[in-house]
Amino acid sequence: MKLKEVEKILDSGRVWADNCPDYGEREVRLCHASDLMSDVLTFIGPGSLLLTGLTNAQVVRTAEVSDFIAICFVRGKEPQPDAVQLAAEKGIPLLGTTMPMYESCGRLFAEGLPGVKRKDGAESCRPQK
């Protein structure tokens, strides 16, 4: 799914994407939704979209480390100025939607976008026995 399709599905707007000439054509293969960046770091990110309600620069740093291709802020949240500046430096597009996280995930899943997989291959976040 292309990022421009995600934009339509979530009825989102671009918060920042100025230095991303390939913005709309970026291929989104997976999606992860979380407000816990420590959880985000346990999942495989390349080609993924991150949905979050957190608005600080740590979100952008986490997305960069996990190789996410874009971040979408849910619930009408707007990123803090330092997050926008860091996203500009790293070339990570930022989107925003007024939808809650649950509905955003549901719409993307209904359109065929799967969720991310854990780095260790486990099926859940529960500790392995």
Protein backbone atom coordinates (compact mmCIF):
# COMPACT_ATOMS: atom_id res chain seq x y z
CA MET A 1 0.00 0.00 0.00
CA LYS A 2 1.33 3.45 -0.89
CA LEU A 3 1.60 6.20 1.72
CA LYS A 4 -0.79 8.36 -0.30
CA GLU A 5 -3.39 5.57 0.08
CA VAL A 6 -2.86 5.56 3.85
CA GLU A 7 -3.49 9.29 3.81
CA LYS A 8 -6.89 8.74 2.15
CA ILE A 9 -7.89 5.80 4.35
CA LEU A 10 -7.15 7.73 7.53
CA ASP A 11 -8.46 11.03 6.16
CA SER A 12 -5.16 12.42 7.33
CA GLY A 13 -3.16 15.46 6.47
CA ARG A 14 0.56 15.96 6.12
CA VAL A 15 2.10 17.55 9.16
CA TRP A 16 5.53 17.49 7.55
CA ALA A 17 6.87 15.94 4.33
CA ASP A 18 8.72 18.81 2.62
CA ASN A 19 12.03 17.05 1.97
CA CYS A 20 10.41 13.77 0.91
CA PRO A 21 10.00 13.87 -2.87
CA ASP A 22 8.91 10.22 -2.91
CA TYR A 23 6.44 10.82 -0.06
CA GLY A 24 3.24 9.48 -1.59
CA GLU A 25 4.94 6.63 -3.40
CA ARG A 26 6.61 5.15 -0.33
CA GLU A 27 5.48 1.57 0.10
CA VAL A 28 3.88 0.78 3.46
CA ARG A 29 4.14 -2.95 4.08
CA LEU A 30 3.23 -3.14 7.77
CA CYS A 31 1.71 -1.04 10.54
CA HIS A 32 2.45 -0.71 14.25
CA ALA A 33 0.36 1.27 16.72
CA SER A 34 1.62 2.13 20.18
CA ASP A 35 2.21 4.88 22.69
CA LEU A 36 5.00 2.84 24.31
CA MET A 37 8.21 3.38 22.40
CA SER A 38 9.87 0.51 24.28
CA ASP A 39 7.28 -1.80 22.68
CA VAL A 40 7.91 -0.30 19.26
CA LEU A 41 11.60 -1.19 19.57
CA THR A 42 10.75 -4.88 19.97
CA PHE A 43 9.11 -5.07 16.55
CA ILE A 44 10.52 -5.25 13.04
CA GLY A 45 9.99 -1.87 11.40
CA PRO A 46 11.34 -1.64 7.83
CA GLY A 47 8.58 -0.52 5.50
CA SER A 48 6.25 0.15 8.43
CA LEU A 49 3.98 2.99 9.44
CA LEU A 50 3.90 3.99 13.11
CA LEU A 51 0.60 5.16 14.59
CA THR A 52 0.94 6.95 17.92
CA GLY A 53 -0.49 9.61 20.17
CA LEU A 54 2.91 10.59 21.51
CA THR A 55 4.17 13.84 20.06
CA ASN A 56 7.75 14.27 21.25
CA ALA A 57 11.06 13.87 19.45
CA GLN A 58 11.59 10.44 21.02
CA VAL A 59 8.92 9.10 18.66
CA VAL A 60 10.96 10.24 15.66
CA ARG A 61 14.16 8.79 17.13
CA THR A 62 12.42 5.46 17.72
CA ALA A 63 11.00 5.43 14.19
CA GLU A 64 14.46 6.13 12.79
CA VAL A 65 16.13 3.35 14.81
CA SER A 66 13.39 0.89 13.80
CA ASP A 67 13.49 2.01 10.15
CA PHE A 68 9.83 3.10 9.96
CA ILE A 69 8.97 5.01 6.79
CA ALA A 70 6.42 7.42 8.32
CA ILE A 71 4.63 8.38 11.52
CA CYS A 72 0.94 9.19 11.85
CA PHE A 73 -0.26 11.02 14.95
CA VAL A 74 -3.76 9.93 16.00
CA ARG A 75 -6.53 11.58 18.04
CA GLY A 76 -5.85 15.00 16.50
CA LYS A 77 -2.50 15.26 18.26
CA GLU A 78 0.11 17.58 16.81
CA PRO A 79 3.84 16.85 17.14
CA GLN A 80 6.01 19.13 19.21
CA PRO A 81 8.24 21.52 17.22
CA ASP A 82 11.40 19.57 18.10
CA ALA A 83 9.78 16.39 16.75
CA VAL A 84 8.95 18.12 13.46
CA GLN A 85 12.49 19.48 13.22
CA LEU A 86 14.02 16.05 13.85
CA ALA A 87 11.67 14.41 11.33
CA ALA A 88 12.81 16.99 8.76
CA GLU A 89 16.45 16.18 9.49
CA LYS A 90 15.83 12.42 9.22
CA GLY A 91 13.45 12.56 6.22
CA ILE A 92 10.59 10.86 8.05
CA PRO A 93 7.17 12.10 6.89
CA LEU A 94 4.63 13.00 9.56
CA LEU A 95 0.88 12.60 9.13
CA GLY A 96 -1.97 13.48 11.42
CA THR A 97 -5.52 12.16 11.78
CA THR A 98 -8.36 13.02 14.11
CA MET A 99 -9.36 9.35 14.29
CA PRO A 100 -8.62 7.39 17.45
CA MET A 101 -5.90 4.75 17.25
CA TYR A 102 -8.38 1.87 17.34
CA GLU A 103 -10.34 3.12 14.34
CA SER A 104 -7.15 3.99 12.44
CA CYS A 105 -5.85 0.45 12.92
CA GLY A 106 -9.17 -1.07 11.97
CA ARG A 107 -9.43 0.89 8.74
CA LEU A 108 -5.88 0.05 7.68
CA PHE A 109 -6.34 -3.62 8.54
CA ALA A 110 -9.63 -3.75 6.63
CA GLU A 111 -7.78 -2.43 3.58
CA GLY A 112 -5.23 -5.24 3.84
CA LEU A 113 -2.35 -3.67 5.77
CA PRO A 114 -0.97 -6.25 8.23
CA GLY A 115 0.63 -5.58 11.60
CA VAL A 116 4.33 -5.80 12.38
CA LYS A 117 6.08 -8.90 13.69
CA ARG A 118 8.26 -9.18 16.78
CA LYS A 119 12.02 -9.20 16.20
CA ASP A 120 12.38 -12.43 18.16
CA GLY A 121 9.62 -14.16 16.16
CA ALA A 122 7.27 -14.54 19.15
CA GLU A 123 3.56 -14.37 18.43
CA SER A 124 2.69 -12.12 21.38
CA CYS A 125 4.19 -9.71 23.87
CA ARG A 126 3.77 -12.19 26.72
CA PRO A 127 7.02 -13.56 28.15
CA GLN A 128 7.92 -16.97 26.80
CA LYS A 129 7.83 -19.84 29.32
